[in-house]
Amino acid sequence: MPIIALNNQEHAKLRVRSPGTSSQLATLHMLPVVVHECAHASSDSPVVFVKNAETGQFQLVALYGLSPGQNLFVADGEWRALYLPAIIQNSPFKLIAGNDDPERMLIGLDTDSELVQTQQGEALFDEQGEETDFLVARKKNLRDYYEHDQITRSFIALLSELELLVARDLKVNVDGQRIAIDGLYTVHEEKLGSLSEEKFGELRKRGFLAVIYAHLTSLNQLRRLASLKAGN
């Protein structure tokens, strides 16, 4: 997926459609989320942790299906959940490092995305080559997401340090058939409750307790996934 730095000459005529109509969504059974959207995402689906097999790093994700390749919240090409994760809202844009200055972040565009067209969607630049209100808003969202992602990394690092993340095989019943979902991690409630006052206070002070409780409560959404899987 080529990500090209956005400019008002090469991309003057391009338009971007709503990311909620992307056909790729139907194949994504989990999507990364940041701590600031955990409460919103948990209103639709389970929010859990997964571990990268190569790096060993944990990631916070919202679960939208019970098996790879199937998103139960996409129907007739449209996103049907109440909340669309920010990583999809930002598509087909992405922050990229500048060639001359790696610390300088540029707005990149996936020009191969089906959302990028010349006939339909929101214009990126006006006739004078100035950024449209649409592009200005999307750039702000990207910068906010970058900051929230850094906080999410700190959140996960602290959970790992406190050894609060534990592997958990979740099981759901779909029309009498038991489906096991492995490879997931959740916060261990007993370990959370046994933390010292100092460590527990740190989680509270940094605003992470609300995220943890939203994550734990969201596990009840597995029943909703089972219902969608069964077609109810």
Protein backbone atom coordinates (compact mmCIF):
# COMPACT_ATOMS: atom_id res chain seq x y z
CA MET A 1 0.00 0.00 0.00
CA PRO A 2 1.90 3.10 -1.24
CA ILE A 3 1.52 6.09 1.05
CA ILE A 4 2.49 9.30 -0.75
CA ALA A 5 3.02 12.70 0.85
CA LEU A 6 0.00 14.86 0.06
CA ASN A 7 0.53 17.99 -2.03
CA ASN A 8 -1.78 20.48 -3.72
CA GLN A 9 -0.33 19.99 -7.19
CA GLU A 10 -0.20 16.25 -7.72
CA HIS A 11 -3.42 15.70 -5.77
CA ALA A 12 -5.30 18.86 -6.72
CA LYS A 13 -8.26 17.05 -8.28
CA LEU A 14 -8.58 14.16 -5.86
CA ARG A 15 -11.64 13.53 -3.71
CA VAL A 16 -12.16 11.16 -0.78
CA ARG A 17 -15.29 9.14 -0.04
CA SER A 18 -16.55 8.18 3.42
CA PRO A 19 -14.38 5.43 5.01
CA GLY A 20 -17.53 3.69 6.27
CA THR A 21 -18.20 2.46 2.74
CA SER A 22 -14.89 0.66 2.15
CA SER A 23 -15.30 -2.94 0.99
CA GLN A 24 -12.18 -3.89 2.97
CA LEU A 25 -14.08 -3.41 6.24
CA ALA A 26 -16.02 -6.61 5.64
CA THR A 27 -12.84 -8.68 6.02
CA LEU A 28 -11.49 -7.01 9.19
CA HIS A 29 -12.56 -8.96 12.27
CA MET A 30 -10.54 -6.75 14.63
CA LEU A 31 -9.36 -3.15 14.50
CA PRO A 32 -6.83 -1.24 16.64
CA VAL A 33 -8.26 1.34 19.01
CA VAL A 34 -6.68 3.93 21.30
CA VAL A 35 -7.55 4.56 24.94
CA HIS A 36 -9.55 7.69 24.13
CA GLU A 37 -12.07 5.72 22.07
CA CYS A 38 -12.27 2.61 24.23
CA ALA A 39 -15.56 3.61 25.85
CA HIS A 40 -17.13 4.34 22.45
CA ALA A 41 -15.90 1.12 20.86
CA SER A 42 -17.02 -0.93 23.85
CA SER A 43 -20.62 0.14 23.24
CA ASP A 44 -20.59 -2.14 20.18
CA SER A 45 -18.03 -4.87 20.67
CA PRO A 46 -15.47 -6.47 22.98
CA VAL A 47 -12.28 -4.45 23.44
CA VAL A 48 -9.36 -6.77 24.20
CA PHE A 49 -5.59 -7.08 23.87
CA VAL A 50 -3.64 -9.13 21.35
CA LYS A 51 0.08 -9.85 21.19
CA ASN A 52 2.25 -9.49 18.12
CA ALA A 53 3.86 -12.91 17.62
CA GLU A 54 7.03 -11.36 16.18
CA THR A 55 7.61 -8.40 18.51
CA GLY A 56 5.81 -9.60 21.63
CA GLN A 57 4.14 -6.21 21.89
CA PHE A 58 0.53 -5.92 23.02
CA GLN A 59 -2.10 -3.99 21.11
CA LEU A 60 -5.55 -2.78 22.12
CA VAL A 61 -8.20 -3.87 19.60
CA ALA A 62 -11.96 -3.93 19.14
CA LEU A 63 -13.31 -7.32 18.09
CA TYR A 64 -15.86 -7.23 15.28
CA GLY A 65 -15.98 -10.89 14.33
CA LEU A 66 -15.47 -14.36 15.74
CA SER A 67 -13.05 -15.51 13.05
CA PRO A 68 -10.51 -13.88 10.71
CA GLY A 69 -11.90 -12.48 7.49
CA GLN A 70 -15.41 -11.76 8.74
CA ASN A 71 -16.70 -8.47 10.14
CA LEU A 72 -20.17 -9.01 11.59
CA PHE A 73 -20.87 -5.28 11.68
CA VAL A 74 -20.69 -4.78 7.93
CA ALA A 75 -23.83 -5.44 5.89
CA ASP A 76 -24.47 -4.56 2.25
CA GLY A 77 -21.14 -2.74 2.16
CA GLU A 78 -22.06 -0.39 5.00
CA TRP A 79 -20.71 -0.09 8.54
CA ARG A 80 -23.58 -0.85 10.95
CA ALA A 81 -21.97 -0.40 14.36
CA LEU A 82 -22.60 2.79 16.34
CA TYR A 83 -18.91 3.69 16.42
CA LEU A 84 -16.33 3.59 13.64
CA PRO A 85 -12.76 3.29 15.02
CA ALA A 86 -10.52 6.29 14.43
CA ILE A 87 -7.99 4.30 12.43
CA ILE A 88 -10.73 3.76 9.82
CA GLN A 89 -12.09 7.28 10.16
CA ASN A 90 -8.62 8.55 9.22
CA SER A 91 -8.37 6.32 6.16
CA PRO A 92 -7.00 6.80 3.49
CA PHE A 93 -4.75 9.34 5.26
CA LYS A 94 -1.78 8.54 7.47
CA LEU A 95 1.02 10.45 9.15
CA ILE A 96 4.41 9.66 7.59
CA ALA A 97 7.97 10.78 8.35
CA GLY A 98 9.51 13.35 6.04
CA ASN A 99 12.37 12.22 3.78
CA ASP A 100 14.64 15.11 4.77
CA ASP A 101 13.61 15.24 8.43
CA PRO A 102 12.35 11.93 9.92
CA GLU A 103 11.06 13.80 12.98
CA ARG A 104 8.83 15.98 10.81
CA MET A 105 5.47 14.32 10.24
CA LEU A 106 3.71 14.75 6.90
CA ILE A 107 0.20 13.93 5.78
CA GLY A 108 0.34 10.83 3.59
CA LEU A 109 -2.36 9.52 1.25
CA ASP A 110 -3.00 5.96 0.08
CA THR A 111 -3.63 6.76 -3.56
CA ASP A 112 -4.56 3.13 -4.32
CA SER A 113 -7.46 3.21 -1.85
CA GLU A 114 -10.92 2.74 -3.31
CA LEU A 115 -11.93 5.80 -1.29
CA VAL A 116 -9.72 8.05 -3.43
CA GLN A 117 -11.45 9.23 -6.60
CA THR A 118 -11.80 12.26 -8.85
CA GLN A 119 -15.59 12.25 -9.26
CA GLN A 120 -17.14 11.41 -5.89
CA GLY A 121 -16.33 12.42 -2.34
CA GLU A 122 -14.94 15.44 -0.53
CA ALA A 123 -12.43 17.69 -2.29
CA LEU A 124 -9.00 18.04 -0.68
CA PHE A 125 -8.05 21.38 -2.25
CA ASP A 126 -10.03 24.28 -3.67
CA GLU A 127 -9.44 25.95 -7.04
CA GLN A 128 -6.71 28.14 -5.52
CA GLY A 129 -4.86 25.10 -4.17
CA GLU A 130 -5.80 25.86 -0.58
CA GLU A 131 -6.79 23.08 1.80
CA THR A 132 -10.53 22.56 2.14
CA ASP A 133 -12.24 22.50 5.54
CA PHE A 134 -12.57 18.73 5.06
CA LEU A 135 -8.80 18.25 4.73
CA VAL A 136 -8.04 20.62 7.62
CA ALA A 137 -10.34 18.57 9.87
CA ARG A 138 -8.81 15.28 8.74
CA LYS A 139 -5.29 16.58 9.44
CA LYS A 140 -6.32 17.56 12.97
CA ASN A 141 -7.81 14.11 13.51
CA LEU A 142 -4.54 12.51 12.41
CA ARG A 143 -2.49 14.59 14.83
CA ASP A 144 -4.91 13.85 17.67
CA TYR A 145 -4.75 10.14 16.85
CA TYR A 146 -0.96 10.20 16.92
CA GLU A 147 -0.98 11.73 20.41
CA HIS A 148 -3.62 9.28 21.62
CA ASP A 149 -1.62 6.38 20.20
CA GLN A 150 1.42 7.45 22.24
CA ILE A 151 -0.72 7.51 25.39
CA THR A 152 -2.10 4.07 24.51
CA ARG A 153 1.43 2.70 24.22
CA SER A 154 2.18 4.09 27.69
CA PHE A 155 -1.03 2.50 29.00
CA ILE A 156 -0.11 -0.92 27.63
CA ALA A 157 3.47 -0.61 28.86
CA LEU A 158 2.20 0.09 32.38
CA LEU A 159 -0.20 -2.87 32.28
CA SER A 160 2.67 -5.10 31.17
CA GLU A 161 4.93 -3.74 33.90
CA LEU A 162 2.27 -4.48 36.51
CA GLU A 163 1.73 -7.95 34.97
CA LEU A 164 -1.98 -7.32 34.66
CA LEU A 165 -2.46 -8.81 31.18
CA VAL A 166 -3.27 -12.51 31.05
CA ALA A 167 -4.08 -14.88 28.17
CA ARG A 168 -7.72 -15.80 28.01
CA ASP A 169 -9.57 -18.14 25.68
CA LEU A 170 -13.05 -16.75 25.27
CA LYS A 171 -15.92 -19.04 24.28
CA VAL A 172 -19.31 -18.22 22.83
CA ASN A 173 -22.34 -20.29 21.95
CA VAL A 174 -23.68 -19.84 18.41
CA ASP A 175 -26.82 -21.86 17.73
CA GLY A 176 -25.64 -24.60 20.07
CA GLN A 177 -22.10 -24.64 18.69
CA ARG A 178 -19.25 -23.62 20.99
CA ILE A 179 -16.77 -21.29 19.31
CA ALA A 180 -13.43 -20.65 21.03
CA ILE A 181 -11.54 -17.43 20.39
CA ASP A 182 -7.91 -17.77 21.36
CA GLY A 183 -4.94 -15.42 21.28
CA LEU A 184 -6.68 -12.76 23.34
CA TYR A 185 -5.55 -11.09 26.54
CA THR A 186 -7.56 -9.32 29.22
CA VAL A 187 -6.83 -7.46 32.43
CA HIS A 188 -6.75 -9.84 35.41
CA GLU A 189 -9.32 -8.44 37.83
CA GLU A 190 -7.91 -10.12 40.94
CA LYS A 191 -4.41 -8.83 40.22
CA LEU A 192 -5.87 -5.39 39.60
CA GLY A 193 -7.61 -5.49 42.96
CA SER A 194 -4.47 -6.62 44.77
CA LEU A 195 -2.27 -3.78 43.52
CA SER A 196 -0.64 -1.58 46.11
CA GLU A 197 -2.33 1.72 46.83
CA GLU A 198 0.55 3.48 45.07
CA LYS A 199 0.26 1.48 41.83
CA PHE A 200 -3.53 1.59 41.81
CA GLY A 201 -3.36 5.34 42.41
CA GLU A 202 -1.05 5.73 39.42
CA LEU A 203 -3.60 4.05 37.17
CA ARG A 204 -6.31 6.32 38.55
CA LYS A 205 -4.21 9.48 38.28
CA ARG A 206 -3.37 8.82 34.64
CA GLY A 207 -7.00 8.16 33.74
CA PHE A 208 -6.40 4.50 32.91
CA LEU A 209 -8.91 2.99 35.35
CA ALA A 210 -11.83 4.12 33.19
CA VAL A 211 -10.23 2.42 30.19
CA ILE A 212 -9.71 -0.81 32.14
CA TYR A 213 -13.31 -0.89 33.36
CA ALA A 214 -14.63 -0.17 29.86
CA HIS A 215 -12.49 -3.03 28.55
CA LEU A 216 -13.72 -5.47 31.22
CA THR A 217 -17.36 -4.50 30.77
CA SER A 218 -17.08 -4.83 27.00
CA LEU A 219 -16.42 -8.57 27.30
CA ASN A 220 -20.18 -8.93 27.70
CA GLN A 221 -20.48 -7.85 24.07
CA LEU A 222 -19.35 -11.34 23.05
CA ARG A 223 -23.01 -12.33 23.30
CA ARG A 224 -23.81 -9.69 20.72
CA LEU A 225 -21.20 -11.09 18.35
CA ALA A 226 -22.71 -14.55 18.83
CA SER A 227 -26.16 -13.17 18.05
CA LEU A 228 -24.91 -11.46 14.88
CA LYS A 229 -23.09 -14.63 13.86
CA ALA A 230 -26.31 -16.59 14.26
CA GLY A 231 -28.14 -14.03 12.18
CA ASN A 232 -30.43 -12.86 14.94
